[in-house]
Amino acid sequence: MTFSSPPTTSKRQMLKAQRKFVTKHFNALSIGIVTTAALHMNPAFAQMTAPATKVSEMTAKAQEAFMRADKNADGKLSKEEAQAMPAVAEVFDKSDVDKDGFLSKAEFAEVAKE
């Protein structure tokens, strides 16, 4: 049975220096990745919060009209539900910005402004 000799002081110092180097650079890389991701996500958050602000700015009269037209109370208007309001039905396809077949409250708020 053979035993390996323990690392010498210089080997230990070299291994310690290598670990320190890797840790330092890994941490810097991780911070860079997180920062880059955060910077790229910021516009997405701005786009997500903008419609919510527009909804809160919707007039009480427009909110009431939306709630009346939203027969199934799912928080969005289908093309069939929009038929109750001819002005909205005319611009439904153009107003459906995300092309999901429904008008969200934010999309409706834009129609109501016009």
Protein backbone atom coordinates (compact mmCIF):
# COMPACT_ATOMS: atom_id res chain seq x y z
CA MET A 1 0.00 0.00 0.00
CA THR A 2 1.42 3.36 -0.98
CA PHE A 3 0.60 6.68 0.48
CA SER A 4 0.90 9.90 -1.41
CA SER A 5 2.95 12.49 0.29
CA PRO A 6 1.14 15.56 1.54
CA PRO A 7 1.47 18.60 -0.68
CA THR A 8 4.43 20.75 0.03
CA THR A 9 4.01 24.30 1.16
CA SER A 10 4.59 25.65 -2.34
CA LYS A 11 2.00 23.26 -3.80
CA ARG A 12 -0.50 24.30 -1.12
CA GLN A 13 0.15 27.94 -1.86
CA MET A 14 -0.27 27.34 -5.57
CA LEU A 15 -3.56 25.46 -5.07
CA LYS A 16 -4.81 28.19 -2.75
CA ALA A 17 -3.88 30.85 -5.32
CA GLN A 18 -5.69 28.92 -8.08
CA ARG A 19 -8.84 28.57 -5.97
CA LYS A 20 -8.74 32.26 -5.12
CA PHE A 21 -8.33 33.17 -8.80
CA VAL A 22 -11.24 30.96 -9.89
CA THR A 23 -13.50 32.22 -7.09
CA LYS A 24 -12.69 35.86 -7.84
CA HIS A 25 -13.36 35.50 -11.56
CA PHE A 26 -16.44 33.34 -11.08
CA ASN A 27 -17.93 35.97 -8.77
CA ALA A 28 -17.15 38.76 -11.24
CA LEU A 29 -18.71 36.76 -14.07
CA SER A 30 -21.81 36.01 -11.99
CA ILE A 31 -22.26 39.68 -11.13
CA GLY A 32 -21.87 40.58 -14.79
CA ILE A 33 -24.49 38.08 -15.88
CA VAL A 34 -27.00 39.20 -13.24
CA THR A 35 -26.42 42.87 -14.05
CA THR A 36 -26.84 42.29 -17.77
CA ALA A 37 -30.03 40.31 -17.20
CA ALA A 38 -31.44 43.03 -14.95
CA LEU A 39 -30.67 45.75 -17.49
CA HIS A 40 -32.33 43.79 -20.27
CA MET A 41 -35.38 42.96 -18.17
CA ASN A 42 -36.01 46.57 -17.14
CA PRO A 43 -37.74 47.55 -20.44
CA ALA A 44 -39.93 44.46 -20.12
CA PHE A 45 -41.02 45.58 -16.66
CA ALA A 46 -41.76 49.05 -17.99
CA GLN A 47 -43.96 47.56 -20.71
CA MET A 48 -45.74 45.34 -18.21
CA THR A 49 -46.49 48.17 -15.78
CA ALA A 50 -47.47 50.76 -18.39
CA PRO A 51 -50.85 49.16 -19.21
CA ALA A 52 -51.66 48.87 -15.51
CA THR A 53 -51.18 52.62 -15.17
CA LYS A 54 -53.42 53.22 -18.16
CA VAL A 55 -56.11 51.01 -16.62
CA SER A 56 -56.05 53.04 -13.43
CA GLU A 57 -56.41 56.20 -15.50
CA MET A 58 -59.51 54.82 -17.25
CA THR A 59 -62.50 56.95 -16.43
CA ALA A 60 -65.26 55.61 -14.23
CA LYS A 61 -67.64 55.78 -17.19
CA ALA A 62 -65.30 53.67 -19.34
CA GLN A 63 -64.79 51.16 -16.52
CA GLU A 64 -68.54 50.84 -16.11
CA ALA A 65 -69.00 50.30 -19.86
CA PHE A 66 -66.26 47.64 -19.83
CA MET A 67 -67.88 45.81 -16.91
CA ARG A 68 -71.30 45.92 -18.58
CA ALA A 69 -69.92 44.51 -21.82
CA ASP A 70 -67.84 41.82 -20.07
CA LYS A 71 -70.75 39.38 -19.73
CA ASN A 72 -68.72 36.47 -18.33
CA ALA A 73 -66.73 38.75 -15.97
CA ASP A 74 -63.36 37.32 -17.02
CA GLY A 75 -61.69 40.73 -17.14
CA LYS A 76 -61.43 40.87 -20.93
CA LEU A 77 -63.75 41.45 -23.87
CA SER A 78 -64.18 38.88 -26.58
CA LYS A 79 -65.17 39.94 -30.08
CA GLU A 80 -68.73 38.79 -29.36
CA GLU A 81 -68.93 40.83 -26.14
CA ALA A 82 -67.58 43.89 -27.96
CA GLN A 83 -70.48 43.71 -30.44
CA ALA A 84 -72.63 45.38 -27.76
CA MET A 85 -70.59 48.55 -28.38
CA PRO A 86 -70.48 49.29 -32.13
CA ALA A 87 -67.66 51.86 -31.80
CA VAL A 88 -65.46 49.27 -30.04
CA ALA A 89 -66.48 46.46 -32.40
CA GLU A 90 -65.35 48.55 -35.40
CA VAL A 91 -61.80 48.91 -34.08
CA PHE A 92 -61.59 45.58 -32.22
CA ASP A 93 -58.92 43.96 -34.41
CA LYS A 94 -56.78 47.10 -34.48
CA SER A 95 -57.13 47.58 -30.72
CA ASP A 96 -56.23 43.98 -29.90
CA VAL A 97 -52.52 44.83 -29.71
CA ASP A 98 -51.34 41.42 -28.45
CA LYS A 99 -53.57 39.63 -30.99
CA ASP A 100 -55.00 37.20 -28.44
CA GLY A 101 -58.60 37.66 -29.63
CA PHE A 102 -59.59 39.68 -26.56
CA LEU A 103 -59.44 43.29 -25.42
CA SER A 104 -57.79 43.64 -22.04
CA LYS A 105 -58.72 46.54 -19.78
CA ALA A 106 -55.57 48.36 -20.92
CA GLU A 107 -56.44 47.84 -24.59
CA PHE A 108 -60.02 48.95 -23.91
CA ALA A 109 -58.70 52.05 -22.11
CA GLU A 110 -56.88 53.05 -25.30
CA VAL A 111 -60.10 52.65 -27.31
CA ALA A 112 -62.03 54.63 -24.69
CA LYS A 113 -59.56 57.51 -24.95
CA GLU A 114 -60.30 57.84 -28.65
